[in-house]
């Protein structure tokens, strides 16, 4: 079964049972890295300069 409906949908999935094991810093890092994979180049540059 091909899941073409999610192919262009960008999401970060985290199991609810594992959320308690992540610090806010770890969660922020995961979300930021995921966002950077799909962000426009100009925004990636400005974000990487802030880090």
C-alpha atoms as a PDB file:
ATOM      1  CA  UNK A   1       0.000   0.000   0.000  1.00  0.00           C
ATOM      2  CA  UNK A   2       1.506   3.309  -1.083  1.00  0.00           C
ATOM      3  CA  UNK A   3       0.891   6.276   1.146  1.00  0.00           C
ATOM      4  CA  UNK A   4       0.955   9.047  -1.375  1.00  0.00           C
ATOM      5  CA  UNK A   5      -1.243  11.273   0.786  1.00  0.00           C
ATOM      6  CA  UNK A   6       1.631  11.810   3.260  1.00  0.00           C
ATOM      7  CA  UNK A   7       4.449  12.110   0.758  1.00  0.00           C
ATOM      8  CA  UNK A   8       4.271  15.910   0.566  1.00  0.00           C
ATOM      9  CA  UNK A   9       3.111  16.426   4.148  1.00  0.00           C
ATOM     10  CA  UNK A  10       5.964  17.433   6.423  1.00  0.00           C
ATOM     11  CA  UNK A  11       5.565  16.329  10.015  1.00  0.00           C
ATOM     12  CA  UNK A  12       7.548  15.310  13.045  1.00  0.00           C
ATOM     13  CA  UNK A  13       5.988  12.407  14.863  1.00  0.00           C
ATOM     14  CA  UNK A  14       6.814  11.795  18.509  1.00  0.00           C
ATOM     15  CA  UNK A  15       5.194   9.032  20.478  1.00  0.00           C
ATOM     16  CA  UNK A  16       3.284  10.456  23.407  1.00  0.00           C
ATOM     17  CA  UNK A  17       4.869   7.878  25.695  1.00  0.00           C
ATOM     18  CA  UNK A  18       8.328   9.268  24.843  1.00  0.00           C
ATOM     19  CA  UNK A  19       7.558  12.965  25.322  1.00  0.00           C
ATOM     20  CA  UNK A  20       8.328  12.753  29.033  1.00  0.00           C
ATOM     21  CA  UNK A  21      11.819  11.492  28.203  1.00  0.00           C
ATOM     22  CA  UNK A  22      12.734  14.567  26.149  1.00  0.00           C
ATOM     23  CA  UNK A  23      13.949  17.835  27.556  1.00  0.00           C
ATOM     24  CA  UNK A  24      12.625  21.039  26.043  1.00  0.00           C
ATOM     25  CA  UNK A  25      16.069  21.643  24.541  1.00  0.00           C
ATOM     26  CA  UNK A  26      16.053  18.213  22.863  1.00  0.00           C
ATOM     27  CA  UNK A  27      12.549  18.704  21.514  1.00  0.00           C
ATOM     28  CA  UNK A  28      13.456  22.177  20.250  1.00  0.00           C
ATOM     29  CA  UNK A  29      16.528  20.769  18.506  1.00  0.00           C
ATOM     30  CA  UNK A  30      14.543  17.994  16.801  1.00  0.00           C
ATOM     31  CA  UNK A  31      11.855  20.399  15.625  1.00  0.00           C
ATOM     32  CA  UNK A  32      14.375  22.987  14.451  1.00  0.00           C
ATOM     33  CA  UNK A  33      16.398  20.437  12.492  1.00  0.00           C
ATOM     34  CA  UNK A  34      13.222  19.081  10.894  1.00  0.00           C
ATOM     35  CA  UNK A  35      12.049  22.579   9.988  1.00  0.00           C
ATOM     36  CA  UNK A  36      15.426  23.404   8.452  1.00  0.00           C
ATOM     37  CA  UNK A  37      15.035  20.505   6.012  1.00  0.00           C
ATOM     38  CA  UNK A  38      12.014  22.181   4.392  1.00  0.00           C
ATOM     39  CA  UNK A  39      12.542  25.881   5.124  1.00  0.00           C
ATOM     40  CA  UNK A  40      13.304  28.323   2.329  1.00  0.00           C
ATOM     41  CA  UNK A  41      17.055  28.900   1.862  1.00  0.00           C
ATOM     42  CA  UNK A  42      16.882  32.534   3.009  1.00  0.00           C
ATOM     43  CA  UNK A  43      15.189  31.536   6.250  1.00  0.00           C
ATOM     44  CA  UNK A  44      17.678  28.711   6.843  1.00  0.00           C
ATOM     45  CA  UNK A  45      20.546  31.170   6.521  1.00  0.00           C
ATOM     46  CA  UNK A  46      19.023  33.661   8.954  1.00  0.00           C
ATOM     47  CA  UNK A  47      18.243  30.884  11.445  1.00  0.00           C
ATOM     48  CA  UNK A  48      21.711  29.348  11.257  1.00  0.00           C
ATOM     49  CA  UNK A  49      23.213  32.793  11.947  1.00  0.00           C
ATOM     50  CA  UNK A  50      21.191  33.007  15.168  1.00  0.00           C
ATOM     51  CA  UNK A  51      22.536  29.693  16.442  1.00  0.00           C
END
